[in-house]
Amino acid sequence: MIAPREIFNKGPKPRFAVGQLVRHVRYGYRGVIVALDKTCQASDGWYQNNQTKPERKQPWYHVLVDGVGYSTYAAQSNLVADDSGGCIMHPWVEEYFSSFEGDRYVRNDQAWPHGPPQA
C-alpha cells in the first residue's frame, strides 16, 4: 500500500502554544499568542504586501502586541520564545485569557473572532 501524500506534507509542527510569550525577531515587539493557524491563511494580497514574506507553509500566530491595542499575524520563523517573564499590557488580554500562571497566560473559552488578514 502506498501512503497518501498528506502524511509527508504535514509541514512544521507549531513551536509555540496559545498563551505563550513571544518576541518578533525582526521588529522586536513582545506579545502573547492568542490563536494559531497551521499555515498562513491570509489573503494573497496581504501576503504580497508583507515586507518579510516568510514561507506560508508553516504555523502562523495571532499575537496580542505588548503596549498597543492591536494584534499581528506572524510566521513561526519570525518568532522566538520570550523568557523575560513580564506580563503583556494589552486591552484584550482579560477578554481572551483567564490568568497568568508561571510564564504563560491561560486561555479562556472566548472565541478569537479575528480571522487572518485580508487585503
N, C-alpha and C. Protein backbone atom coordinates (compact mmCIF):
# COMPACT_ATOMS: atom_id res chain seq x y z
N MET A 1 0.84 -1.19 0.00
CA MET A 1 0.00 0.00 0.00
C MET A 1 0.88 1.25 0.00
N ILE A 2 0.51 2.22 -0.80
CA ILE A 2 1.26 3.47 -0.88
C ILE A 2 0.61 4.48 0.06
N ALA A 3 1.45 5.14 0.84
CA ALA A 3 0.95 6.12 1.81
C ALA A 3 0.47 7.38 1.10
N PRO A 4 -0.62 7.98 1.59
CA PRO A 4 -1.09 9.24 0.99
C PRO A 4 -0.05 10.35 1.16
N ARG A 5 -0.03 11.28 0.22
CA ARG A 5 0.91 12.40 0.26
C ARG A 5 0.74 13.25 1.50
N GLU A 6 -0.50 13.34 2.03
CA GLU A 6 -0.75 14.18 3.20
C GLU A 6 0.14 13.79 4.38
N ILE A 7 0.49 12.52 4.47
CA ILE A 7 1.35 12.06 5.57
C ILE A 7 2.71 12.74 5.50
N PHE A 8 3.21 12.94 4.30
CA PHE A 8 4.54 13.52 4.13
C PHE A 8 4.53 15.04 4.01
N ASN A 9 3.37 15.64 3.80
CA ASN A 9 3.27 17.08 3.57
C ASN A 9 2.60 17.81 4.73
N LYS A 10 2.79 17.36 5.91
CA LYS A 10 2.14 17.99 7.05
C LYS A 10 2.76 19.33 7.41
N GLY A 11 3.99 19.56 7.06
CA GLY A 11 4.64 20.82 7.38
C GLY A 11 5.15 20.84 8.81
N PRO A 12 5.82 21.93 9.17
CA PRO A 12 6.38 22.03 10.53
C PRO A 12 5.29 22.05 11.59
N LYS A 13 5.60 21.46 12.71
CA LYS A 13 4.68 21.48 13.85
C LYS A 13 4.84 22.81 14.58
N PRO A 14 3.77 23.28 15.22
CA PRO A 14 3.87 24.53 15.98
C PRO A 14 4.92 24.44 17.09
N ARG A 15 5.77 25.44 17.16
CA ARG A 15 6.79 25.55 18.21
C ARG A 15 6.26 26.25 19.44
N PHE A 16 5.22 27.03 19.24
CA PHE A 16 4.67 27.85 20.31
C PHE A 16 3.22 27.46 20.57
N ALA A 17 2.77 27.74 21.79
CA ALA A 17 1.41 27.39 22.19
C ALA A 17 0.62 28.66 22.50
N VAL A 18 -0.68 28.55 22.41
CA VAL A 18 -1.55 29.66 22.80
C VAL A 18 -1.25 29.99 24.26
N GLY A 19 -1.10 31.28 24.55
CA GLY A 19 -0.77 31.75 25.89
C GLY A 19 0.71 31.98 26.12
N GLN A 20 1.53 31.51 25.19
CA GLN A 20 2.99 31.66 25.34
C GLN A 20 3.43 33.07 24.95
N LEU A 21 4.42 33.57 25.66
CA LEU A 21 5.01 34.88 25.35
C LEU A 21 6.06 34.70 24.27
N VAL A 22 6.04 35.60 23.28
CA VAL A 22 6.99 35.54 22.17
C VAL A 22 7.54 36.93 21.88
N ARG A 23 8.60 36.94 21.09
CA ARG A 23 9.22 38.19 20.62
C ARG A 23 9.46 38.03 19.12
N HIS A 24 9.17 39.10 18.37
CA HIS A 24 9.40 39.09 16.92
C HIS A 24 10.88 39.36 16.67
N VAL A 25 11.53 38.50 15.89
CA VAL A 25 12.98 38.61 15.70
C VAL A 25 13.38 39.85 14.90
N ARG A 26 12.56 40.29 13.97
CA ARG A 26 12.92 41.44 13.15
C ARG A 26 12.49 42.77 13.78
N TYR A 27 11.28 42.81 14.31
CA TYR A 27 10.73 44.07 14.81
C TYR A 27 10.86 44.24 16.32
N GLY A 28 11.18 43.19 17.04
CA GLY A 28 11.49 43.29 18.46
C GLY A 28 10.32 43.40 19.41
N TYR A 29 9.09 43.44 18.89
CA TYR A 29 7.96 43.57 19.82
C TYR A 29 7.73 42.26 20.57
N ARG A 30 7.17 42.41 21.79
CA ARG A 30 6.77 41.26 22.60
C ARG A 30 5.27 41.08 22.47
N GLY A 31 4.80 39.87 22.71
CA GLY A 31 3.37 39.63 22.68
C GLY A 31 3.02 38.28 23.24
N VAL A 32 1.73 38.01 23.25
CA VAL A 32 1.21 36.72 23.70
C VAL A 32 0.39 36.12 22.56
N ILE A 33 0.57 34.83 22.33
CA ILE A 33 -0.16 34.14 21.27
C ILE A 33 -1.59 33.90 21.74
N VAL A 34 -2.53 34.37 20.94
CA VAL A 34 -3.95 34.21 21.27
C VAL A 34 -4.62 33.15 20.40
N ALA A 35 -4.07 32.88 19.22
CA ALA A 35 -4.61 31.85 18.31
C ALA A 35 -3.52 31.50 17.30
N LEU A 36 -3.68 30.36 16.62
CA LEU A 36 -2.70 29.97 15.61
C LEU A 36 -3.39 29.27 14.46
N ASP A 37 -2.72 29.31 13.30
CA ASP A 37 -3.16 28.61 12.09
C ASP A 37 -2.02 27.68 11.68
N LYS A 38 -2.36 26.50 11.16
CA LYS A 38 -1.33 25.53 10.74
C LYS A 38 -0.47 26.07 9.60
N THR A 39 -1.08 26.87 8.74
CA THR A 39 -0.37 27.53 7.63
C THR A 39 -0.95 28.93 7.49
N CYS A 40 -0.29 29.75 6.71
CA CYS A 40 -0.76 31.12 6.51
C CYS A 40 -2.12 31.13 5.83
N GLN A 41 -3.10 31.75 6.48
CA GLN A 41 -4.45 31.82 5.96
C GLN A 41 -4.79 33.22 5.45
N ALA A 42 -3.82 34.11 5.45
CA ALA A 42 -4.04 35.47 4.98
C ALA A 42 -4.27 35.47 3.47
N SER A 43 -4.93 36.52 3.00
CA SER A 43 -5.18 36.64 1.56
C SER A 43 -3.86 36.81 0.80
N ASP A 44 -3.89 36.49 -0.48
CA ASP A 44 -2.70 36.66 -1.31
C ASP A 44 -2.26 38.12 -1.36
N GLY A 45 -3.23 39.04 -1.40
CA GLY A 45 -2.90 40.47 -1.42
C GLY A 45 -2.17 40.89 -0.17
N TRP A 46 -2.66 40.45 0.99
CA TRP A 46 -1.99 40.78 2.25
C TRP A 46 -0.57 40.19 2.26
N TYR A 47 -0.45 38.94 1.85
CA TYR A 47 0.85 38.28 1.87
C TYR A 47 1.84 39.00 0.95
N GLN A 48 1.42 39.39 -0.23
CA GLN A 48 2.31 40.08 -1.17
C GLN A 48 2.77 41.43 -0.63
N ASN A 49 1.96 42.06 0.22
CA ASN A 49 2.35 43.33 0.83
C ASN A 49 3.17 43.17 2.10
N ASN A 50 3.29 41.94 2.59
CA ASN A 50 4.08 41.66 3.78
C ASN A 50 5.56 41.86 3.44
N GLN A 51 6.25 42.67 4.22
CA GLN A 51 7.64 43.00 3.91
C GLN A 51 8.58 41.81 4.01
N THR A 52 8.31 40.89 4.93
CA THR A 52 9.26 39.79 5.14
C THR A 52 8.97 38.58 4.26
N LYS A 53 7.74 38.34 3.88
CA LYS A 53 7.30 37.20 3.05
C LYS A 53 7.90 35.86 3.50
N PRO A 54 7.70 35.50 4.78
CA PRO A 54 8.17 34.18 5.21
C PRO A 54 7.33 33.08 4.56
N GLU A 55 7.84 31.88 4.58
CA GLU A 55 7.16 30.73 4.00
C GLU A 55 5.72 30.64 4.51
N ARG A 56 4.79 30.42 3.61
CA ARG A 56 3.37 30.30 4.01
C ARG A 56 3.07 28.95 4.65
N LYS A 57 3.80 27.92 4.27
CA LYS A 57 3.51 26.56 4.76
C LYS A 57 4.26 26.28 6.06
N GLN A 58 3.91 27.06 7.07
CA GLN A 58 4.42 26.90 8.42
C GLN A 58 3.36 27.49 9.35
N PRO A 59 3.43 27.20 10.63
CA PRO A 59 2.44 27.81 11.53
C PRO A 59 2.55 29.33 11.55
N TRP A 60 1.38 29.98 11.62
CA TRP A 60 1.27 31.43 11.74
C TRP A 60 0.45 31.72 13.00
N TYR A 61 0.81 32.78 13.70
CA TYR A 61 0.25 33.07 15.01
C TYR A 61 -0.41 34.44 15.06
N HIS A 62 -1.54 34.51 15.74
CA HIS A 62 -2.20 35.77 16.05
C HIS A 62 -1.63 36.20 17.40
N VAL A 63 -0.99 37.35 17.43
CA VAL A 63 -0.25 37.80 18.61
C VAL A 63 -0.80 39.14 19.10
N LEU A 64 -1.15 39.19 20.39
CA LEU A 64 -1.52 40.46 21.01
C LEU A 64 -0.22 41.16 21.38
N VAL A 65 0.01 42.33 20.82
CA VAL A 65 1.28 43.04 20.97
C VAL A 65 1.29 43.86 22.25
N ASP A 66 2.38 43.74 23.00
CA ASP A 66 2.56 44.45 24.26
C ASP A 66 2.59 45.96 24.04
N GLY A 67 1.81 46.69 24.86
CA GLY A 67 1.86 48.14 24.87
C GLY A 67 1.04 48.85 23.81
N VAL A 68 0.31 48.10 22.99
CA VAL A 68 -0.54 48.71 21.96
C VAL A 68 -1.90 48.01 21.95
N GLY A 69 -2.83 48.50 21.18
CA GLY A 69 -4.17 47.93 21.16
C GLY A 69 -4.49 47.14 19.92
N TYR A 70 -3.53 46.48 19.32
CA TYR A 70 -3.81 45.69 18.12
C TYR A 70 -3.09 44.34 18.20
N SER A 71 -3.44 43.47 17.26
CA SER A 71 -2.78 42.17 17.15
C SER A 71 -2.03 42.11 15.82
N THR A 72 -1.09 41.18 15.74
CA THR A 72 -0.37 40.95 14.49
C THR A 72 -0.54 39.50 14.09
N TYR A 73 -0.16 39.21 12.86
CA TYR A 73 -0.20 37.85 12.32
C TYR A 73 1.22 37.55 11.90
N ALA A 74 1.89 36.65 12.62
CA ALA A 74 3.32 36.44 12.42
C ALA A 74 3.64 34.97 12.13
N ALA A 75 4.58 34.76 11.25
CA ALA A 75 5.04 33.41 10.92
C ALA A 75 5.93 32.87 12.04
N GLN A 76 5.88 31.56 12.19
CA GLN A 76 6.69 30.90 13.21
C GLN A 76 8.17 31.26 13.08
N SER A 77 8.68 31.32 11.85
CA SER A 77 10.10 31.60 11.64
C SER A 77 10.50 33.00 12.08
N ASN A 78 9.53 33.89 12.31
CA ASN A 78 9.82 35.25 12.75
C ASN A 78 9.67 35.44 14.25
N LEU A 79 9.38 34.36 14.97
CA LEU A 79 9.16 34.47 16.41
C LEU A 79 10.15 33.63 17.20
N VAL A 80 10.47 34.10 18.39
CA VAL A 80 11.25 33.33 19.37
C VAL A 80 10.51 33.43 20.70
N ALA A 81 10.76 32.45 21.56
CA ALA A 81 10.15 32.49 22.88
C ALA A 81 10.70 33.68 23.65
N ASP A 82 9.83 34.34 24.40
CA ASP A 82 10.23 35.47 25.24
C ASP A 82 10.24 34.98 26.68
N ASP A 83 11.42 34.97 27.28
CA ASP A 83 11.55 34.46 28.64
C ASP A 83 11.73 35.57 29.66
N SER A 84 11.33 36.79 29.30
CA SER A 84 11.50 37.90 30.23
C SER A 84 10.57 37.78 31.44
N GLY A 85 9.48 37.03 31.28
CA GLY A 85 8.58 36.80 32.40
C GLY A 85 7.59 37.90 32.68
N GLY A 86 7.70 39.01 32.00
CA GLY A 86 6.80 40.13 32.24
C GLY A 86 5.45 39.94 31.59
N CYS A 87 4.42 40.46 32.23
CA CYS A 87 3.07 40.41 31.67
C CYS A 87 2.97 41.29 30.43
N ILE A 88 1.97 41.02 29.62
CA ILE A 88 1.69 41.80 28.42
C ILE A 88 0.63 42.85 28.76
N MET A 89 0.89 44.08 28.40
CA MET A 89 -0.08 45.16 28.59
C MET A 89 -0.83 45.35 27.28
N HIS A 90 -2.04 44.82 27.24
CA HIS A 90 -2.87 44.88 26.04
C HIS A 90 -4.33 44.88 26.47
N PRO A 91 -5.17 45.72 25.86
CA PRO A 91 -6.57 45.80 26.30
C PRO A 91 -7.38 44.52 26.11
N TRP A 92 -6.94 43.59 25.29
CA TRP A 92 -7.70 42.36 25.04
C TRP A 92 -7.25 41.18 25.90
N VAL A 93 -6.19 41.34 26.67
CA VAL A 93 -5.68 40.21 27.46
C VAL A 93 -6.77 39.63 28.36
N GLU A 94 -7.48 40.49 29.08
CA GLU A 94 -8.51 39.99 30.00
C GLU A 94 -9.70 39.39 29.27
N GLU A 95 -9.89 39.75 28.01
CA GLU A 95 -11.00 39.19 27.24
C GLU A 95 -10.73 37.75 26.80
N TYR A 96 -9.46 37.43 26.51
CA TYR A 96 -9.12 36.12 25.95
C TYR A 96 -8.35 35.19 26.89
N PHE A 97 -7.91 35.71 28.03
CA PHE A 97 -7.15 34.89 28.97
C PHE A 97 -7.74 35.02 30.37
N SER A 98 -7.74 33.93 31.11
CA SER A 98 -8.31 33.94 32.46
C SER A 98 -7.28 34.26 33.54
N SER A 99 -6.00 33.97 33.28
CA SER A 99 -4.97 34.22 34.29
C SER A 99 -3.58 34.15 33.67
N PHE A 100 -2.60 34.56 34.46
CA PHE A 100 -1.19 34.45 34.08
C PHE A 100 -0.56 33.54 35.12
N GLU A 101 -0.09 32.37 34.68
CA GLU A 101 0.47 31.39 35.61
C GLU A 101 1.88 31.02 35.20
N GLY A 102 2.82 31.29 36.09
CA GLY A 102 4.22 30.97 35.80
C GLY A 102 4.77 31.88 34.74
N ASP A 103 4.89 31.36 33.52
CA ASP A 103 5.46 32.13 32.41
C ASP A 103 4.52 32.24 31.22
N ARG A 104 3.22 31.93 31.44
CA ARG A 104 2.29 31.98 30.31
C ARG A 104 0.88 32.33 30.75
N TYR A 105 0.11 32.77 29.79
CA TYR A 105 -1.29 33.08 30.02
C TYR A 105 -2.13 31.82 29.82
N VAL A 106 -3.22 31.73 30.57
CA VAL A 106 -4.17 30.62 30.45
C VAL A 106 -5.36 31.11 29.64
N ARG A 107 -5.57 30.49 28.49
CA ARG A 107 -6.64 30.90 27.56
C ARG A 107 -8.00 30.54 28.14
N ASN A 108 -8.97 31.43 27.97
CA ASN A 108 -10.34 31.13 28.37
C ASN A 108 -11.12 30.60 27.18
N ASP A 109 -12.43 30.51 27.29
CA ASP A 109 -13.25 29.94 26.22
C ASP A 109 -13.74 30.95 25.19
N GLN A 110 -13.37 32.20 25.35
CA GLN A 110 -13.80 33.24 24.40
C GLN A 110 -13.17 32.97 23.03
N ALA A 111 -14.01 32.79 22.01
CA ALA A 111 -13.51 32.51 20.66
C ALA A 111 -12.74 33.71 20.11
N TRP A 112 -11.70 33.45 19.35
CA TRP A 112 -10.94 34.50 18.67
C TRP A 112 -11.69 34.84 17.39
N PRO A 113 -12.35 35.98 17.32
CA PRO A 113 -13.21 36.29 16.17
C PRO A 113 -12.47 36.90 14.99
N HIS A 114 -11.23 37.22 15.17
CA HIS A 114 -10.46 37.90 14.12
C HIS A 114 -9.77 36.87 13.25
N GLY A 115 -10.19 36.75 12.03
CA GLY A 115 -9.57 35.81 11.12
C GLY A 115 -8.25 36.34 10.63
N PRO A 116 -7.64 35.62 9.70
CA PRO A 116 -6.37 36.09 9.13
C PRO A 116 -6.57 37.39 8.35
N PRO A 117 -5.50 38.14 8.17
CA PRO A 117 -5.60 39.41 7.46
C PRO A 117 -6.08 39.25 6.02
N GLN A 118 -6.90 40.18 5.61
CA GLN A 118 -7.42 40.22 4.23
C GLN A 118 -7.14 41.61 3.68
N ALA A 119 -6.57 41.67 2.51
CA ALA A 119 -6.36 42.99 1.89
C ALA A 119 -6.05 42.84 0.43
